[in-house]
């Protein structure tokens, strides 16, 4: 059976953010599935809910598991949701897990400040897209720049999704994850705030910090991230 990789995007973006990874995996002959969460990408008209997000991840994982061992990969919000999913009391059929740009607990003053800034940014002319485009133009390589927003931006879903994340019990979930686990963060990622705590709770996890990289590690350093995928796949192939 061939290793299967299921990828879960971050807030506002969509499955298109994984195009560089999907192409890399397909070139290797590895199964690659990138999902759209409710309220994002091809499902922009739907209402976001944590339950709906978990159902989306679970359906993709269980379908992929019929074809081979599954590596789950989540970025940012998708990573936070995937931590909770991977560490469920009823273990999902996972062989390994990569949690990218998501070593932060989404609650309390930090979450409130993030939501406030997001709402202020959304209130700018053109919902701040002129600034978003400028930052992405300056920081992302040409071969991934268009992919990041190709599925559209889920502006109307953002605050609902951020508020919903406060129900996650990430530390309890992390303590239950037994499969090989990698945390991947950019050096300048704002969600590194609880990085040490996460690695203490999950001592078997490997932490990879990518130098000179922001929160958008998958798009900013696609070759590096693809190498992490290769590492996870090789680990599964050796142990499965």
Protein backbone atom coordinates (compact mmCIF):
# COMPACT_ATOMS: atom_id res chain seq x y z
CA UNK A 1 0.00 0.00 0.00
CA UNK A 2 1.18 3.52 -0.84
CA UNK A 3 1.51 6.24 1.80
CA UNK A 4 -1.27 8.82 1.61
CA UNK A 5 -0.91 12.47 2.69
CA UNK A 6 -3.93 14.53 3.79
CA UNK A 7 -3.34 18.31 4.02
CA UNK A 8 -5.43 20.86 5.91
CA UNK A 9 -5.07 24.59 5.11
CA UNK A 10 -4.94 27.60 7.41
CA UNK A 11 -7.48 30.33 8.05
CA UNK A 12 -8.72 32.48 5.12
CA UNK A 13 -6.89 30.44 2.47
CA UNK A 14 -7.81 27.08 0.89
CA UNK A 15 -6.56 23.79 -0.50
CA UNK A 16 -4.71 25.67 -3.25
CA UNK A 17 -2.01 26.70 -0.75
CA UNK A 18 -0.75 23.10 -0.94
CA UNK A 19 -0.21 22.99 -4.73
CA UNK A 20 3.59 22.82 -4.44
CA UNK A 21 3.29 19.94 -1.98
CA UNK A 22 0.65 18.12 -4.03
CA UNK A 23 2.85 18.34 -7.15
CA UNK A 24 5.87 17.06 -5.22
CA UNK A 25 3.95 14.12 -3.78
CA UNK A 26 2.37 13.21 -7.08
CA UNK A 27 5.81 13.21 -8.71
CA UNK A 28 6.86 10.71 -6.03
CA UNK A 29 3.81 8.52 -6.61
CA UNK A 30 2.43 9.31 -3.16
CA UNK A 31 -1.28 9.89 -2.63
CA UNK A 32 -2.01 13.58 -1.99
CA UNK A 33 -5.31 15.03 -0.77
CA UNK A 34 -5.78 18.73 0.10
CA UNK A 35 -9.17 19.53 1.61
CA UNK A 36 -11.23 22.71 1.77
CA UNK A 37 -12.67 23.37 5.23
CA UNK A 38 -16.22 24.74 5.57
CA UNK A 39 -16.38 28.43 4.69
CA UNK A 40 -13.16 28.31 2.66
CA UNK A 41 -12.17 27.83 -0.98
CA UNK A 42 -14.71 25.81 -2.94
CA UNK A 43 -16.92 25.78 0.20
CA UNK A 44 -16.90 29.54 0.76
CA UNK A 45 -20.71 29.72 0.92
CA UNK A 46 -20.89 27.26 3.81
CA UNK A 47 -20.87 28.21 7.48
CA UNK A 48 -17.71 27.33 9.38
CA UNK A 49 -17.96 25.11 12.45
CA UNK A 50 -15.44 23.07 14.38
CA UNK A 51 -17.65 20.00 14.01
CA UNK A 52 -17.81 20.52 10.25
CA UNK A 53 -14.04 20.96 10.09
CA UNK A 54 -13.45 17.74 12.04
CA UNK A 55 -15.89 15.89 9.77
CA UNK A 56 -14.01 17.15 6.70
CA UNK A 57 -10.65 16.00 8.09
CA UNK A 58 -12.02 12.66 9.28
CA UNK A 59 -13.73 11.87 5.97
CA UNK A 60 -10.52 12.59 4.05
CA UNK A 61 -8.34 10.59 6.46
CA UNK A 62 -10.62 7.55 6.53
CA UNK A 63 -10.98 7.54 2.77
CA UNK A 64 -7.20 7.81 2.33
CA UNK A 65 -6.64 5.04 4.89
CA UNK A 66 -8.37 2.57 2.56
CA UNK A 67 -5.42 3.04 0.18
CA UNK A 68 -2.48 3.17 2.59
CA UNK A 69 -1.05 4.58 5.83
CA UNK A 70 -1.95 8.24 6.32
CA UNK A 71 0.28 11.21 7.12
CA UNK A 72 -1.87 14.13 8.29
CA UNK A 73 -0.45 17.62 7.66
CA UNK A 74 -2.02 20.81 9.02
CA UNK A 75 -0.97 24.45 8.75
CA UNK A 76 -1.95 27.24 11.18
CA UNK A 77 -5.68 26.89 11.95
CA UNK A 78 -5.65 23.60 10.05
CA UNK A 79 -2.78 22.48 12.26
CA UNK A 80 -4.62 23.40 15.46
CA UNK A 81 -7.72 21.50 14.33
CA UNK A 82 -5.55 18.57 13.26
CA UNK A 83 -3.84 18.41 16.68
CA UNK A 84 -7.24 18.05 18.33
CA UNK A 85 -8.26 15.47 15.73
CA UNK A 86 -5.04 13.44 15.91
CA UNK A 87 -5.21 13.37 19.72
CA UNK A 88 -8.85 12.34 20.01
CA UNK A 89 -9.61 9.75 22.67
CA UNK A 90 -10.83 7.46 19.92
CA UNK A 91 -7.66 7.27 17.85
CA UNK A 92 -8.07 8.11 14.14
CA UNK A 93 -6.29 5.94 11.54
CA UNK A 94 -3.07 7.97 11.30
CA UNK A 95 0.50 6.78 10.78
CA UNK A 96 2.21 10.18 11.28
CA UNK A 97 1.39 13.86 11.75
CA UNK A 98 3.06 17.15 10.74
CA UNK A 99 1.83 20.24 12.62
CA UNK A 100 3.05 23.39 10.88
CA UNK A 101 2.90 26.94 12.24
CA UNK A 102 0.51 26.07 15.06
CA UNK A 103 2.35 25.90 18.39
CA UNK A 104 0.01 28.33 20.15
CA UNK A 105 -3.03 27.91 22.40
CA UNK A 106 -5.93 29.82 20.76
CA UNK A 107 -7.66 31.35 23.76
CA UNK A 108 -7.44 34.17 26.28
CA UNK A 109 -5.86 37.57 25.66
CA UNK A 110 -3.76 36.31 22.75
CA UNK A 111 -6.78 35.13 20.79
CA UNK A 112 -8.73 38.28 21.67
CA UNK A 113 -5.89 40.48 20.41
CA UNK A 114 -5.57 38.43 17.21
CA UNK A 115 -9.30 38.74 16.54
CA UNK A 116 -9.22 42.49 17.21
CA UNK A 117 -6.35 43.02 14.78
CA UNK A 118 -8.02 40.82 12.16
CA UNK A 119 -11.24 42.84 12.41
CA UNK A 120 -9.36 46.12 12.14
CA UNK A 121 -7.46 44.85 9.11
CA UNK A 122 -10.71 43.66 7.54
CA UNK A 123 -12.15 47.16 7.96
CA UNK A 124 -9.49 48.69 5.71
CA UNK A 125 -10.39 49.66 2.11
CA UNK A 126 -10.61 46.56 -0.09
CA UNK A 127 -10.45 44.59 3.20
CA UNK A 128 -6.71 45.21 3.30
CA UNK A 129 -5.98 43.21 0.15
CA UNK A 130 -3.61 45.89 -1.15
CA UNK A 131 -1.40 45.32 1.90
CA UNK A 132 -1.82 41.53 1.84
CA UNK A 133 -0.79 41.43 -1.81
CA UNK A 134 2.21 43.67 -1.16
CA UNK A 135 3.46 41.49 1.72
CA UNK A 136 2.97 38.25 -0.21
CA UNK A 137 4.69 39.69 -3.29
CA UNK A 138 7.71 40.55 -1.15
CA UNK A 139 7.92 37.33 0.86
CA UNK A 140 6.72 34.41 -1.28
CA UNK A 141 8.67 32.94 -4.22
CA UNK A 142 7.12 33.24 -7.66
CA UNK A 143 6.31 29.54 -7.94
CA UNK A 144 3.97 29.58 -4.90
CA UNK A 145 2.78 33.20 -4.84
CA UNK A 146 -0.31 32.64 -6.98
CA UNK A 147 -1.23 29.38 -5.26
CA UNK A 148 -1.68 30.86 -1.82
CA UNK A 149 -4.80 32.86 -2.68
CA UNK A 150 -5.97 31.01 -5.78
CA UNK A 151 -8.99 29.62 -3.97
CA UNK A 152 -10.02 33.05 -2.69
CA UNK A 153 -9.86 34.49 0.82
CA UNK A 154 -12.48 33.60 3.42
CA UNK A 155 -12.90 37.07 4.90
CA UNK A 156 -16.43 36.47 6.15
CA UNK A 157 -15.44 33.22 7.88
CA UNK A 158 -12.35 34.51 9.67
CA UNK A 159 -13.79 35.86 12.92
CA UNK A 160 -16.24 32.99 13.35
CA UNK A 161 -13.43 30.48 12.85
CA UNK A 162 -11.06 32.26 15.24
CA UNK A 163 -13.73 32.43 17.95
CA UNK A 164 -14.53 28.74 17.48
CA UNK A 165 -10.93 27.66 18.12
CA UNK A 166 -11.16 28.55 21.81
CA UNK A 167 -12.97 25.25 22.49
CA UNK A 168 -9.92 23.19 21.52
CA UNK A 169 -8.09 21.33 24.31
CA UNK A 170 -4.76 21.08 22.53
CA UNK A 171 -2.56 20.07 25.45
CA UNK A 172 -4.74 17.08 26.33
CA UNK A 173 -4.83 16.10 22.67
CA UNK A 174 -1.06 16.43 22.27
CA UNK A 175 -0.47 14.16 25.25
CA UNK A 176 -2.49 11.42 23.55
CA UNK A 177 -0.72 11.53 20.16
CA UNK A 178 1.49 8.45 19.84
CA UNK A 179 2.32 8.46 16.13
CA UNK A 180 5.50 10.15 14.82
CA UNK A 181 4.99 13.90 15.14
CA UNK A 182 6.83 16.91 13.74
CA UNK A 183 6.31 20.57 14.66
CA UNK A 184 7.47 22.82 11.80
CA UNK A 185 7.75 26.57 12.42
CA UNK A 186 9.27 29.51 10.61
CA UNK A 187 11.86 31.39 12.63
CA UNK A 188 9.71 34.53 12.69
CA UNK A 189 6.34 32.82 13.12
CA UNK A 190 4.06 34.60 15.59
CA UNK A 191 2.51 31.26 16.56
CA UNK A 192 5.73 30.00 18.15
CA UNK A 193 4.51 31.52 21.43
CA UNK A 194 3.83 28.13 23.12
CA UNK A 195 6.47 26.15 21.24
CA UNK A 196 8.35 25.03 24.37
CA UNK A 197 5.14 24.00 26.10
CA UNK A 198 4.03 21.93 23.13
CA UNK A 199 7.35 20.10 22.94
CA UNK A 200 7.21 19.37 26.69
CA UNK A 201 3.73 17.93 26.43
CA UNK A 202 4.69 15.86 23.37
CA UNK A 203 8.32 14.90 24.16
CA UNK A 204 8.55 12.39 21.30
CA UNK A 205 7.86 15.15 18.75
CA UNK A 206 10.63 16.60 16.62
CA UNK A 207 10.79 20.39 16.32
CA UNK A 208 12.01 21.87 13.04
CA UNK A 209 12.53 25.65 12.88
CA UNK A 210 13.14 27.00 9.39
CA UNK A 211 15.51 30.01 9.42
CA UNK A 212 14.52 33.37 7.92
CA UNK A 213 10.94 32.21 7.42
CA UNK A 214 7.57 33.62 8.45
CA UNK A 215 4.30 31.97 9.43
CA UNK A 216 3.77 30.93 5.80
CA UNK A 217 6.49 28.27 5.91
CA UNK A 218 4.84 25.93 3.40
CA UNK A 219 4.71 28.61 0.68
CA UNK A 220 7.82 30.57 1.61
CA UNK A 221 10.13 27.53 1.75
CA UNK A 222 8.34 24.85 -0.30
CA UNK A 223 11.45 22.74 -0.89
CA UNK A 224 12.23 22.64 2.81
CA UNK A 225 8.68 21.70 3.66
CA UNK A 226 8.66 19.04 0.95
CA UNK A 227 11.80 17.58 2.54
CA UNK A 228 9.89 17.29 5.83
CA UNK A 229 7.13 15.48 3.97
CA UNK A 230 9.74 13.11 2.55
CA UNK A 231 11.07 12.49 6.07
CA UNK A 232 7.62 11.65 7.38
CA UNK A 233 6.90 9.36 4.44
CA UNK A 234 10.22 7.54 4.87
CA UNK A 235 9.51 7.09 8.58
CA UNK A 236 6.11 5.57 7.86
CA UNK A 237 7.49 3.32 5.14
CA UNK A 238 10.12 1.94 7.53
CA UNK A 239 7.69 1.22 10.34
CA UNK A 240 4.44 0.35 8.65
